[in-house]
Amino acid sequence: MIGVLESWTGLTFLDPWMLWLAGLLPLSLWLRRRGGVPAVGFAPAVFARPPADGGARSWPLRLRSLPRVLQTAGLLLVVVALARPAGRDPLPLTTEGIDILLCLDISSSMRATDMDAGRTRLEVAKSSASAFVSARPDDRIGLVCFARYPDLRCPPTLDHRALQEFLGSVELVDGDGPEDATGIGTAVARASHVLRSSAAKSKVVILLTDGEENVATEDTPGEIAPVHAAQLCKELDVRVYTIAAGVGRRSPTGGLVPLDTRQVERVASKTGGRFFAARDAAAVEGVYAAIDRLEKVTFDEPRFRIVDRFLPLLLAAVTILLGARVLQSTKLEVLP
């Protein structure tokens, strides 16, 4: 019976043995009926008798049992309150969250449509990144775009709607303009700098590019090379996943030159991440899905707080018993 009552009410009874007191109520009613007629100065029941002609009964006669019903209901509520009903209020789940920074190449080479008919490499990358963001509502995710220079478009945030808007507005730099280059090292270093103050248990950079480092070269020793950026990420405990998108680049003669991925492979290996080659749109989606499986958020076990719920029942019982007593002092007071 107790289990059925808990299932029906959604409450847990801390002193369930008190519910057995409800079994005494029928006994008390029986003893009351056998106790004889109480001495009263006035008996309204005389005026509540049915008419001799069999006409309609008066409303006091119809409701003459209401005070006893209310008394019984009030006493039942008192018994339930004594059993200390309590609710289990769930506490908010705490997570050991992950801070993720998407690092997206926007150089002019990302205009190629070799990965999916009708869509550029950038459009493919944006679509897959958007799906990745939607699948991870508990992570703070940000966005860095880069060509020659890195640009923080959105710091790591839980406001994924805003992030999706920033992601949707990403456009390529002008071809052959002053920014049309591929600075992988500076982009990774910028991402690590953004994540360095993060208190998250896990800090991740996902870098997608279709090119090779051409900013930090032998002729520019002052620029940050990918290997140096990887060392910085390692010191800051930032893991980097690198994605090489596309099938390569066209040479001036029209031939296909395979992409040299050795630098981005070293970045991933040195930081504890992984390197992925994605030659088409399906492969890019598969890469993001693989990273999603590798980087999981850890949740605490569900926790609950026990909260007493007896007070509303007790107040209701007192109200009902007082109501019954008031009714007994009116025309509804009927002799047994």
C-alpha atoms as a PDB file:
ATOM      1  CA  MET A   1       0.000   0.000   0.000  1.00  0.00           C
ATOM      2  CA  ILE A   2       2.821   2.385   0.906  1.00  0.00           C
ATOM      3  CA  GLY A   3       4.549   1.709  -2.399  1.00  0.00           C
ATOM      4  CA  VAL A   4       1.355   2.431  -4.313  1.00  0.00           C
ATOM      5  CA  LEU A   5       0.849   5.658  -2.365  1.00  0.00           C
ATOM      6  CA  GLU A   6       4.443   6.787  -3.060  1.00  0.00           C
ATOM      7  CA  SER A   7       4.053   5.951  -6.739  1.00  0.00           C
ATOM      8  CA  TRP A   8       0.754   7.831  -6.954  1.00  0.00           C
ATOM      9  CA  THR A   9       1.921  10.951  -5.109  1.00  0.00           C
ATOM     10  CA  GLY A  10       5.541  11.002  -6.254  1.00  0.00           C
ATOM     11  CA  LEU A  11       6.582  11.480  -2.624  1.00  0.00           C
ATOM     12  CA  THR A  12       8.784   9.454  -0.297  1.00  0.00           C
ATOM     13  CA  PHE A  13       7.581   8.826   3.255  1.00  0.00           C
ATOM     14  CA  LEU A  14      10.375   9.124   5.823  1.00  0.00           C
ATOM     15  CA  ASP A  15       8.247   7.593   8.621  1.00  0.00           C
ATOM     16  CA  PRO A  16       5.958   5.273   6.656  1.00  0.00           C
ATOM     17  CA  TRP A  17       4.953   3.249   9.725  1.00  0.00           C
ATOM     18  CA  MET A  18       2.801   6.211  10.832  1.00  0.00           C
ATOM     19  CA  LEU A  19       0.446   5.508   7.921  1.00  0.00           C
ATOM     20  CA  TRP A  20      -0.869   2.486   9.770  1.00  0.00           C
ATOM     21  CA  LEU A  21      -2.605   4.918  12.129  1.00  0.00           C
ATOM     22  CA  ALA A  22      -5.115   5.417   9.333  1.00  0.00           C
ATOM     23  CA  GLY A  23      -6.462   1.984  10.240  1.00  0.00           C
ATOM     24  CA  LEU A  24      -7.628   3.365  13.573  1.00  0.00           C
ATOM     25  CA  LEU A  25     -10.002   5.848  11.945  1.00  0.00           C
ATOM     26  CA  PRO A  26     -12.722   3.295  11.071  1.00  0.00           C
ATOM     27  CA  LEU A  27     -12.454   1.972  14.637  1.00  0.00           C
ATOM     28  CA  SER A  28     -12.914   5.437  16.114  1.00  0.00           C
ATOM     29  CA  LEU A  29     -15.964   6.058  13.910  1.00  0.00           C
ATOM     30  CA  TRP A  30     -17.482   2.742  14.995  1.00  0.00           C
ATOM     31  CA  LEU A  31     -16.885   3.495  18.673  1.00  0.00           C
ATOM     32  CA  ARG A  32     -18.415   6.918  18.221  1.00  0.00           C
ATOM     33  CA  ARG A  33     -21.573   5.468  16.747  1.00  0.00           C
ATOM     34  CA  ARG A  34     -21.863   3.072  19.706  1.00  0.00           C
ATOM     35  CA  GLY A  35     -21.210   5.784  22.262  1.00  0.00           C
ATOM     36  CA  GLY A  36     -24.822   6.896  22.532  1.00  0.00           C
ATOM     37  CA  VAL A  37     -26.550  10.234  21.985  1.00  0.00           C
ATOM     38  CA  PRO A  38     -24.612  13.252  23.238  1.00  0.00           C
ATOM     39  CA  ALA A  39     -26.375  15.727  25.458  1.00  0.00           C
ATOM     40  CA  VAL A  40     -27.103  18.925  23.574  1.00  0.00           C
ATOM     41  CA  GLY A  41     -29.337  21.870  24.247  1.00  0.00           C
ATOM     42  CA  PHE A  42     -30.698  22.138  20.743  1.00  0.00           C
ATOM     43  CA  ALA A  43     -31.107  19.534  17.992  1.00  0.00           C
ATOM     44  CA  PRO A  44     -31.516  20.998  14.509  1.00  0.00           C
ATOM     45  CA  ALA A  45     -32.032  17.513  13.138  1.00  0.00           C
ATOM     46  CA  VAL A  46     -35.720  17.816  13.996  1.00  0.00           C
ATOM     47  CA  PHE A  47     -36.008  20.440  11.312  1.00  0.00           C
ATOM     48  CA  ALA A  48     -33.977  18.402   8.844  1.00  0.00           C
ATOM     49  CA  ARG A  49     -36.418  15.467   8.682  1.00  0.00           C
ATOM     50  CA  PRO A  50     -37.926  14.599   5.284  1.00  0.00           C
ATOM     51  CA  PRO A  51     -41.341  16.131   4.632  1.00  0.00           C
ATOM     52  CA  ALA A  52     -44.249  13.903   5.514  1.00  0.00           C
ATOM     53  CA  ASP A  53     -45.619  14.177   1.981  1.00  0.00           C
ATOM     54  CA  GLY A  54     -42.392  12.714   0.514  1.00  0.00           C
ATOM     55  CA  GLY A  55     -41.344  15.984  -1.108  1.00  0.00           C
ATOM     56  CA  ALA A  56     -37.793  17.138  -1.728  1.00  0.00           C
ATOM     57  CA  ARG A  57     -35.421  17.015   1.205  1.00  0.00           C
ATOM     58  CA  SER A  58     -33.992  20.270   2.548  1.00  0.00           C
ATOM     59  CA  TRP A  59     -30.349  21.091   1.950  1.00  0.00           C
ATOM     60  CA  PRO A  60     -29.375  20.686   5.660  1.00  0.00           C
ATOM     61  CA  LEU A  61     -30.620  17.116   5.454  1.00  0.00           C
ATOM     62  CA  ARG A  62     -28.748  16.486   2.243  1.00  0.00           C
ATOM     63  CA  LEU A  63     -25.472  17.766   3.774  1.00  0.00           C
ATOM     64  CA  ARG A  64     -25.909  16.480   7.306  1.00  0.00           C
ATOM     65  CA  SER A  65     -22.990  14.005   6.911  1.00  0.00           C
ATOM     66  CA  LEU A  66     -20.588  16.610   5.518  1.00  0.00           C
ATOM     67  CA  PRO A  67     -18.950  17.556   8.870  1.00  0.00           C
ATOM     68  CA  ARG A  68     -18.079  13.926   9.601  1.00  0.00           C
ATOM     69  CA  VAL A  69     -16.696  13.454   6.087  1.00  0.00           C
ATOM     70  CA  LEU A  70     -14.541  16.530   6.530  1.00  0.00           C
ATOM     71  CA  GLN A  71     -13.378  15.343   9.956  1.00  0.00           C
ATOM     72  CA  THR A  72     -12.371  11.997   8.503  1.00  0.00           C
ATOM     73  CA  ALA A  73     -10.544  13.644   5.595  1.00  0.00           C
ATOM     74  CA  GLY A  74      -8.763  16.046   7.943  1.00  0.00           C
ATOM     75  CA  LEU A  75      -7.628  13.213  10.234  1.00  0.00           C
ATOM     76  CA  LEU A  76      -6.385  11.244   7.220  1.00  0.00           C
ATOM     77  CA  LEU A  77      -4.298  14.231   6.153  1.00  0.00           C
ATOM     78  CA  VAL A  78      -2.902  14.476   9.701  1.00  0.00           C
ATOM     79  CA  VAL A  79      -1.836  10.820   9.517  1.00  0.00           C
ATOM     80  CA  VAL A  80      -0.180  11.392   6.107  1.00  0.00           C
ATOM     81  CA  ALA A  81       1.617  14.470   7.489  1.00  0.00           C
ATOM     82  CA  LEU A  82       2.864  12.425  10.471  1.00  0.00           C
ATOM     83  CA  ALA A  83       4.421   9.962   7.986  1.00  0.00           C
ATOM     84  CA  ARG A  84       6.660  12.859   6.840  1.00  0.00           C
ATOM     85  CA  PRO A  85       6.154  12.968   3.089  1.00  0.00           C
ATOM     86  CA  ALA A  86       9.218  14.300   1.323  1.00  0.00           C
ATOM     87  CA  GLY A  87      10.090  15.149  -2.249  1.00  0.00           C
ATOM     88  CA  ARG A  88      13.310  14.399  -4.124  1.00  0.00           C
ATOM     89  CA  ASP A  89      14.365  17.643  -5.783  1.00  0.00           C
ATOM     90  CA  PRO A  90      17.089  17.005  -8.374  1.00  0.00           C
ATOM     91  CA  LEU A  91      20.219  19.076  -7.955  1.00  0.00           C
ATOM     92  CA  PRO A  92      21.826  20.573 -11.070  1.00  0.00           C
ATOM     93  CA  LEU A  93      24.237  18.237 -12.776  1.00  0.00           C
ATOM     94  CA  THR A  94      27.819  19.408 -12.626  1.00  0.00           C
ATOM     95  CA  THR A  95      30.085  18.693 -15.524  1.00  0.00           C
ATOM     96  CA  GLU A  96      33.763  18.535 -16.105  1.00  0.00           C
ATOM     97  CA  GLY A  97      33.325  20.589 -19.240  1.00  0.00           C
ATOM     98  CA  ILE A  98      35.479  20.933 -22.308  1.00  0.00           C
ATOM     99  CA  ASP A  99      36.530  24.224 -23.847  1.00  0.00           C
ATOM    100  CA  ILE A 100      36.830  23.899 -27.609  1.00  0.00           C
ATOM    101  CA  LEU A 101      38.142  26.408 -30.120  1.00  0.00           C
ATOM    102  CA  LEU A 102      37.340  25.871 -33.793  1.00  0.00           C
ATOM    103  CA  CYS A 103      40.198  27.157 -35.942  1.00  0.00           C
ATOM    104  CA  LEU A 104      39.038  27.651 -39.531  1.00  0.00           C
ATOM    105  CA  ASP A 105      41.137  28.442 -42.600  1.00  0.00           C
ATOM    106  CA  ILE A 106      39.588  31.228 -44.701  1.00  0.00           C
ATOM    107  CA  SER A 107      42.332  31.671 -47.282  1.00  0.00           C
ATOM    108  CA  SER A 108      41.224  31.936 -50.932  1.00  0.00           C
ATOM    109  CA  SER A 109      42.099  28.298 -51.663  1.00  0.00           C
ATOM    110  CA  MET A 110      39.072  27.304 -49.556  1.00  0.00           C
ATOM    111  CA  ARG A 111      36.962  28.482 -52.517  1.00  0.00           C
ATOM    112  CA  ALA A 112      37.659  25.206 -54.370  1.00  0.00           C
ATOM    113  CA  THR A 113      34.649  22.931 -54.967  1.00  0.00           C
ATOM    114  CA  ASP A 114      36.476  19.602 -55.151  1.00  0.00           C
ATOM    115  CA  MET A 115      34.976  18.239 -51.907  1.00  0.00           C
ATOM    116  CA  ASP A 116      31.299  18.561 -52.803  1.00  0.00           C
ATOM    117  CA  ALA A 117      29.609  19.577 -56.019  1.00  0.00           C
ATOM    118  CA  GLY A 118      28.157  23.043 -55.710  1.00  0.00           C
ATOM    119  CA  ARG A 119      29.771  23.844 -52.351  1.00  0.00           C
ATOM    120  CA  THR A 120      33.135  25.330 -51.575  1.00  0.00           C
ATOM    121  CA  ARG A 121      35.545  23.834 -49.085  1.00  0.00           C
ATOM    122  CA  LEU A 122      34.651  26.617 -46.691  1.00  0.00           C
ATOM    123  CA  GLU A 123      30.929  25.882 -46.966  1.00  0.00           C
ATOM    124  CA  VAL A 124      31.564  22.206 -46.305  1.00  0.00           C
ATOM    125  CA  ALA A 125      33.714  23.063 -43.287  1.00  0.00           C
ATOM    126  CA  LYS A 126      31.135  25.507 -41.889  1.00  0.00           C
ATOM    127  CA  SER A 127      28.294  23.018 -42.278  1.00  0.00           C
ATOM    128  CA  SER A 128      30.166  20.220 -40.493  1.00  0.00           C
ATOM    129  CA  ALA A 129      31.379  22.545 -37.752  1.00  0.00           C
ATOM    130  CA  SER A 130      27.818  23.763 -37.200  1.00  0.00           C
ATOM    131  CA  ALA A 131      26.562  20.198 -36.765  1.00  0.00           C
ATOM    132  CA  PHE A 132      29.409  19.534 -34.336  1.00  0.00           C
ATOM    133  CA  VAL A 133      28.448  22.564 -32.249  1.00  0.00           C
ATOM    134  CA  SER A 134      24.789  21.503 -32.149  1.00  0.00           C
ATOM    135  CA  ALA A 135      25.756  18.075 -30.841  1.00  0.00           C
ATOM    136  CA  ARG A 136      27.706  19.455 -27.856  1.00  0.00           C
ATOM    137  CA  PRO A 137      25.376  21.746 -25.872  1.00  0.00           C
ATOM    138  CA  ASP A 138      27.363  21.355 -22.629  1.00  0.00           C
ATOM    139  CA  ASP A 139      30.714  22.580 -23.970  1.00  0.00           C
ATOM    140  CA  ARG A 140      32.023  26.093 -24.300  1.00  0.00           C
ATOM    141  CA  ILE A 141      32.973  26.491 -27.959  1.00  0.00           C
ATOM    142  CA  GLY A 142      34.625  29.411 -29.691  1.00  0.00           C
ATOM    143  CA  LEU A 143      35.791  30.331 -33.194  1.00  0.00           C
ATOM    144  CA  VAL A 144      39.072  31.577 -34.655  1.00  0.00           C
ATOM    145  CA  CYS A 145      39.379  32.275 -38.375  1.00  0.00           C
ATOM    146  CA  PHE A 146      42.755  32.655 -40.022  1.00  0.00           C
ATOM    147  CA  ALA A 147      44.540  33.297 -43.262  1.00  0.00           C
ATOM    148  CA  ARG A 148      47.755  35.273 -42.839  1.00  0.00           C
ATOM    149  CA  TYR A 149      46.526  36.529 -39.467  1.00  0.00           C
ATOM    150  CA  PRO A 150      44.302  34.830 -36.874  1.00  0.00           C
ATOM    151  CA  ASP A 151      41.085  36.548 -35.841  1.00  0.00           C
ATOM    152  CA  LEU A 152      39.100  35.590 -32.740  1.00  0.00           C
ATOM    153  CA  ARG A 153      35.490  35.780 -33.925  1.00  0.00           C
ATOM    154  CA  CYS A 154      33.885  34.287 -30.816  1.00  0.00           C
ATOM    155  CA  PRO A 155      35.482  33.353 -27.478  1.00  0.00           C
ATOM    156  CA  PRO A 156      34.479  29.982 -25.949  1.00  0.00           C
ATOM    157  CA  THR A 157      30.833  30.288 -24.948  1.00  0.00           C
ATOM    158  CA  LEU A 158      27.748  28.266 -24.072  1.00  0.00           C
ATOM    159  CA  ASP A 159      25.672  30.634 -26.195  1.00  0.00           C
ATOM    160  CA  HIS A 160      25.809  28.373 -29.220  1.00  0.00           C
ATOM    161  CA  ARG A 161      23.139  30.336 -31.048  1.00  0.00           C
ATOM    162  CA  ALA A 162      25.436  33.349 -31.142  1.00  0.00           C
ATOM    163  CA  LEU A 163      28.340  31.112 -32.158  1.00  0.00           C
ATOM    164  CA  GLN A 164      26.293  29.684 -35.029  1.00  0.00           C
ATOM    165  CA  GLU A 165      25.588  33.208 -36.248  1.00  0.00           C
ATOM    166  CA  PHE A 166      29.301  34.057 -36.214  1.00  0.00           C
ATOM    167  CA  LEU A 167      30.063  30.802 -37.996  1.00  0.00           C
ATOM    168  CA  GLY A 168      27.449  31.474 -40.664  1.00  0.00           C
ATOM    169  CA  SER A 169      28.894  34.909 -41.418  1.00  0.00           C
ATOM    170  CA  VAL A 170      32.448  33.664 -42.062  1.00  0.00           C
ATOM    171  CA  GLU A 171      33.720  34.592 -45.532  1.00  0.00           C
ATOM    172  CA  LEU A 172      36.946  34.068 -47.451  1.00  0.00           C
ATOM    173  CA  VAL A 173      39.643  36.704 -47.706  1.00  0.00           C
ATOM    174  CA  ASP A 174      40.223  38.332 -51.079  1.00  0.00           C
ATOM    175  CA  GLY A 175      42.290  36.222 -53.408  1.00  0.00           C
ATOM    176  CA  ASP A 176      45.863  37.454 -53.922  1.00  0.00           C
ATOM    177  CA  GLY A 177      45.243  40.190 -51.338  1.00  0.00           C
ATOM    178  CA  PRO A 178      47.637  41.038 -48.500  1.00  0.00           C
ATOM    179  CA  GLU A 179      45.890  38.594 -46.156  1.00  0.00           C
ATOM    180  CA  ASP A 180      45.728  35.697 -48.584  1.00  0.00           C
ATOM    181  CA  ALA A 181      48.202  33.317 -46.966  1.00  0.00           C
ATOM    182  CA  THR A 182      48.144  30.353 -44.556  1.00  0.00           C
ATOM    183  CA  GLY A 183      49.577  31.082 -41.120  1.00  0.00           C
ATOM    184  CA  ILE A 184      48.945  27.805 -39.293  1.00  0.00           C
ATOM    185  CA  GLY A 185      51.519  28.477 -36.576  1.00  0.00           C
ATOM    186  CA  THR A 186      50.151  31.885 -35.618  1.00  0.00           C
ATOM    187  CA  ALA A 187      46.581  30.542 -35.683  1.00  0.00           C
ATOM    188  CA  VAL A 188      47.386  27.663 -33.309  1.00  0.00           C
ATOM    189  CA  ALA A 189      49.356  29.979 -31.041  1.00  0.00           C
ATOM    190  CA  ARG A 190      46.446  32.439 -30.933  1.00  0.00           C
ATOM    191  CA  ALA A 191      44.041  29.637 -30.072  1.00  0.00           C
ATOM    192  CA  SER A 192      46.280  28.413 -27.246  1.00  0.00           C
ATOM    193  CA  HIS A 193      46.501  31.950 -25.886  1.00  0.00           C
ATOM    194  CA  VAL A 194      42.687  32.167 -25.801  1.00  0.00           C
ATOM    195  CA  LEU A 195      42.459  28.862 -23.907  1.00  0.00           C
ATOM    196  CA  ARG A 196      45.345  29.431 -21.508  1.00  0.00           C
ATOM    197  CA  SER A 197      43.127  31.030 -18.839  1.00  0.00           C
ATOM    198  CA  SER A 198      40.444  28.352 -19.106  1.00  0.00           C
ATOM    199  CA  ALA A 199      39.708  26.331 -15.957  1.00  0.00           C
ATOM    200  CA  ALA A 200      38.154  23.480 -17.958  1.00  0.00           C
ATOM    201  CA  LYS A 201      39.480  19.989 -17.404  1.00  0.00           C
ATOM    202  CA  SER A 202      40.064  19.586 -21.127  1.00  0.00           C
ATOM    203  CA  LYS A 203      41.073  22.258 -23.659  1.00  0.00           C
ATOM    204  CA  VAL A 204      40.862  21.432 -27.345  1.00  0.00           C
ATOM    205  CA  VAL A 205      41.667  23.148 -30.645  1.00  0.00           C
ATOM    206  CA  ILE A 206      40.204  21.778 -33.899  1.00  0.00           C
ATOM    207  CA  LEU A 207      42.126  23.203 -36.822  1.00  0.00           C
ATOM    208  CA  LEU A 208      40.854  22.759 -40.379  1.00  0.00           C
ATOM    209  CA  THR A 209      42.996  23.873 -43.299  1.00  0.00           C
ATOM    210  CA  ASP A 210      43.476  23.008 -46.936  1.00  0.00           C
ATOM    211  CA  GLY A 211      46.941  24.508 -47.217  1.00  0.00           C
ATOM    212  CA  GLU A 212      50.486  24.440 -45.929  1.00  0.00           C
ATOM    213  CA  GLU A 213      52.265  26.909 -43.705  1.00  0.00           C
ATOM    214  CA  ASN A 214      53.587  29.715 -45.915  1.00  0.00           C
ATOM    215  CA  VAL A 215      53.881  32.568 -43.416  1.00  0.00           C
ATOM    216  CA  ALA A 216      56.573  31.125 -41.135  1.00  0.00           C
ATOM    217  CA  THR A 217      59.364  30.199 -43.536  1.00  0.00           C
ATOM    218  CA  GLU A 218      63.133  30.278 -43.545  1.00  0.00           C
ATOM    219  CA  ASP A 219      62.932  33.848 -44.785  1.00  0.00           C
ATOM    220  CA  THR A 220      60.694  34.939 -41.879  1.00  0.00           C
ATOM    221  CA  PRO A 221      62.341  33.652 -38.681  1.00  0.00           C
ATOM    222  CA  GLY A 222      60.260  36.038 -36.579  1.00  0.00           C
ATOM    223  CA  GLU A 223      56.999  34.265 -37.407  1.00  0.00           C
ATOM    224  CA  ILE A 224      55.599  31.426 -35.287  1.00  0.00           C
ATOM    225  CA  ALA A 225      56.105  28.078 -36.961  1.00  0.00           C
ATOM    226  CA  PRO A 226      53.557  25.261 -36.420  1.00  0.00           C
ATOM    227  CA  VAL A 227      56.030  23.200 -34.404  1.00  0.00           C
ATOM    228  CA  HIS A 228      56.662  26.105 -32.026  1.00  0.00           C
ATOM    229  CA  ALA A 229      52.920  26.672 -31.627  1.00  0.00           C
ATOM    230  CA  ALA A 230      52.552  22.977 -30.853  1.00  0.00           C
ATOM    231  CA  GLN A 231      55.163  23.258 -28.120  1.00  0.00           C
ATOM    232  CA  LEU A 232      53.247  26.167 -26.612  1.00  0.00           C
ATOM    233  CA  CYS A 233      50.016  24.129 -26.687  1.00  0.00           C
ATOM    234  CA  LYS A 234      51.768  21.247 -24.964  1.00  0.00           C
ATOM    235  CA  GLU A 235      52.953  23.524 -22.169  1.00  0.00           C
ATOM    236  CA  LEU A 236      49.428  24.904 -21.741  1.00  0.00           C
ATOM    237  CA  ASP A 237      47.848  21.420 -21.853  1.00  0.00           C
ATOM    238  CA  VAL A 238      45.911  22.224 -25.026  1.00  0.00           C
ATOM    239  CA  ARG A 239      45.195  19.300 -27.328  1.00  0.00           C
ATOM    240  CA  VAL A 240      45.059  19.997 -31.080  1.00  0.00           C
ATOM    241  CA  TYR A 241      43.158  18.010 -33.681  1.00  0.00           C
ATOM    242  CA  THR A 242      44.147  18.884 -37.233  1.00  0.00           C
ATOM    243  CA  ILE A 243      42.099  18.303 -40.381  1.00  0.00           C
ATOM    244  CA  ALA A 244      43.599  18.507 -43.857  1.00  0.00           C
ATOM    245  CA  ALA A 245      40.691  19.260 -46.195  1.00  0.00           C
ATOM    246  CA  GLY A 246      40.550  18.677 -49.943  1.00  0.00           C
ATOM    247  CA  VAL A 247      42.618  16.741 -52.427  1.00  0.00           C
ATOM    248  CA  GLY A 248      45.458  19.254 -52.806  1.00  0.00           C
ATOM    249  CA  ARG A 249      46.113  22.321 -54.907  1.00  0.00           C
ATOM    250  CA  ARG A 250      46.505  23.042 -58.576  1.00  0.00           C
ATOM    251  CA  SER A 251      49.944  23.843 -59.895  1.00  0.00           C
ATOM    252  CA  PRO A 252      50.521  26.676 -62.396  1.00  0.00           C
ATOM    253  CA  THR A 253      50.542  24.032 -65.131  1.00  0.00           C
ATOM    254  CA  GLY A 254      47.146  22.690 -64.078  1.00  0.00           C
ATOM    255  CA  GLY A 255      48.365  19.521 -62.392  1.00  0.00           C
ATOM    256  CA  LEU A 256      47.310  18.386 -58.916  1.00  0.00           C
ATOM    257  CA  VAL A 257      49.861  18.855 -56.155  1.00  0.00           C
ATOM    258  CA  PRO A 258      49.134  16.709 -53.083  1.00  0.00           C
ATOM    259  CA  LEU A 259      48.969  18.601 -49.809  1.00  0.00           C
ATOM    260  CA  ASP A 260      52.041  18.311 -47.590  1.00  0.00           C
ATOM    261  CA  THR A 261      50.522  17.420 -44.220  1.00  0.00           C
ATOM    262  CA  ARG A 262      53.718  16.755 -42.279  1.00  0.00           C
ATOM    263  CA  GLN A 263      53.538  19.972 -40.261  1.00  0.00           C
ATOM    264  CA  VAL A 264      49.919  19.621 -39.165  1.00  0.00           C
ATOM    265  CA  GLU A 265      50.540  15.963 -38.376  1.00  0.00           C
ATOM    266  CA  ARG A 266      53.378  16.978 -36.053  1.00  0.00           C
ATOM    267  CA  VAL A 267      51.178  19.583 -34.368  1.00  0.00           C
ATOM    268  CA  ALA A 268      48.545  16.956 -33.587  1.00  0.00           C
ATOM    269  CA  SER A 269      51.060  14.347 -32.470  1.00  0.00           C
ATOM    270  CA  LYS A 270      53.042  16.715 -30.246  1.00  0.00           C
ATOM    271  CA  THR A 271      49.922  17.953 -28.403  1.00  0.00           C
ATOM    272  CA  GLY A 272      48.252  14.562 -27.882  1.00  0.00           C
ATOM    273  CA  GLY A 273      45.613  15.096 -30.550  1.00  0.00           C
ATOM    274  CA  ARG A 274      45.047  13.357 -33.866  1.00  0.00           C
ATOM    275  CA  PHE A 275      45.468  14.177 -37.531  1.00  0.00           C
ATOM    276  CA  PHE A 276      42.695  13.527 -40.058  1.00  0.00           C
ATOM    277  CA  ALA A 277      42.682  13.732 -43.847  1.00  0.00           C
ATOM    278  CA  ALA A 278      39.298  14.650 -45.313  1.00  0.00           C
ATOM    279  CA  ARG A 279      39.045  14.523 -49.090  1.00  0.00           C
ATOM    280  CA  ASP A 280      35.277  15.094 -49.373  1.00  0.00           C
ATOM    281  CA  ALA A 281      32.281  16.427 -47.472  1.00  0.00           C
ATOM    282  CA  ALA A 282      31.357  13.063 -45.958  1.00  0.00           C
ATOM    283  CA  ALA A 283      34.895  12.663 -44.664  1.00  0.00           C
ATOM    284  CA  VAL A 284      34.794  16.072 -42.959  1.00  0.00           C
ATOM    285  CA  GLU A 285      31.543  15.151 -41.245  1.00  0.00           C
ATOM    286  CA  GLY A 286      33.078  11.837 -40.197  1.00  0.00           C
ATOM    287  CA  VAL A 287      36.089  13.621 -38.732  1.00  0.00           C
ATOM    288  CA  TYR A 288      33.959  15.899 -36.574  1.00  0.00           C
ATOM    289  CA  ALA A 289      31.919  12.876 -35.472  1.00  0.00           C
ATOM    290  CA  ALA A 290      35.134  11.065 -34.511  1.00  0.00           C
ATOM    291  CA  ILE A 291      36.355  14.043 -32.509  1.00  0.00           C
ATOM    292  CA  ASP A 292      32.945  14.200 -30.833  1.00  0.00           C
ATOM    293  CA  ARG A 293      33.416  10.598 -29.682  1.00  0.00           C
ATOM    294  CA  LEU A 294      36.961  11.231 -28.487  1.00  0.00           C
ATOM    295  CA  GLU A 295      36.152  14.336 -26.464  1.00  0.00           C
ATOM    296  CA  LYS A 296      33.377  13.490 -24.036  1.00  0.00           C
ATOM    297  CA  VAL A 297      32.013  15.576 -21.173  1.00  0.00           C
ATOM    298  CA  THR A 298      32.061  13.850 -17.788  1.00  0.00           C
ATOM    299  CA  PHE A 299      28.902  14.245 -15.700  1.00  0.00           C
ATOM    300  CA  ASP A 300      28.523  13.691 -11.974  1.00  0.00           C
ATOM    301  CA  GLU A 301      26.085  11.043 -10.859  1.00  0.00           C
ATOM    302  CA  PRO A 302      22.523  12.429 -10.508  1.00  0.00           C
ATOM    303  CA  ARG A 303      22.012  13.897  -7.040  1.00  0.00           C
ATOM    304  CA  PHE A 304      18.855  14.749  -5.133  1.00  0.00           C
ATOM    305  CA  ARG A 305      17.909  16.843  -2.124  1.00  0.00           C
ATOM    306  CA  ILE A 306      15.250  15.520   0.253  1.00  0.00           C
ATOM    307  CA  VAL A 307      12.710  18.257   1.051  1.00  0.00           C
ATOM    308  CA  ASP A 308       9.905  17.792   3.608  1.00  0.00           C
ATOM    309  CA  ARG A 309       6.407  18.235   2.159  1.00  0.00           C
ATOM    310  CA  PHE A 310       4.350  17.640   5.311  1.00  0.00           C
ATOM    311  CA  LEU A 311       3.587  21.292   6.071  1.00  0.00           C
ATOM    312  CA  PRO A 312       1.055  21.856   3.234  1.00  0.00           C
ATOM    313  CA  LEU A 313      -0.743  18.658   4.236  1.00  0.00           C
ATOM    314  CA  LEU A 314      -0.810  19.712   7.881  1.00  0.00           C
ATOM    315  CA  LEU A 315      -2.179  23.149   7.012  1.00  0.00           C
ATOM    316  CA  ALA A 316      -4.832  21.553   4.797  1.00  0.00           C
ATOM    317  CA  ALA A 317      -5.793  19.168   7.612  1.00  0.00           C
ATOM    318  CA  VAL A 318      -6.157  21.995  10.130  1.00  0.00           C
ATOM    319  CA  THR A 319      -8.240  23.994   7.645  1.00  0.00           C
ATOM    320  CA  ILE A 320     -10.550  21.054   6.940  1.00  0.00           C
ATOM    321  CA  LEU A 321     -10.989  20.209  10.627  1.00  0.00           C
ATOM    322  CA  LEU A 322     -11.779  23.833  11.437  1.00  0.00           C
ATOM    323  CA  GLY A 323     -14.261  23.893   8.575  1.00  0.00           C
ATOM    324  CA  ALA A 324     -15.946  20.766   9.908  1.00  0.00           C
ATOM    325  CA  ARG A 325     -16.170  22.314  13.374  1.00  0.00           C
ATOM    326  CA  VAL A 326     -17.737  25.488  11.984  1.00  0.00           C
ATOM    327  CA  LEU A 327     -20.308  23.476  10.033  1.00  0.00           C
ATOM    328  CA  GLN A 328     -21.202  21.553  13.174  1.00  0.00           C
ATOM    329  CA  SER A 329     -22.273  24.787  14.805  1.00  0.00           C
ATOM    330  CA  THR A 330     -24.776  25.502  12.052  1.00  0.00           C
ATOM    331  CA  LYS A 331     -27.947  23.742  10.897  1.00  0.00           C
ATOM    332  CA  LEU A 332     -25.766  20.805   9.854  1.00  0.00           C
ATOM    333  CA  GLU A 333     -25.334  19.802  13.479  1.00  0.00           C
ATOM    334  CA  VAL A 334     -27.376  16.623  13.566  1.00  0.00           C
ATOM    335  CA  LEU A 335     -27.900  14.232  16.443  1.00  0.00           C
ATOM    336  CA  PRO A 336     -27.000  10.617  15.832  1.00  0.00           C
END
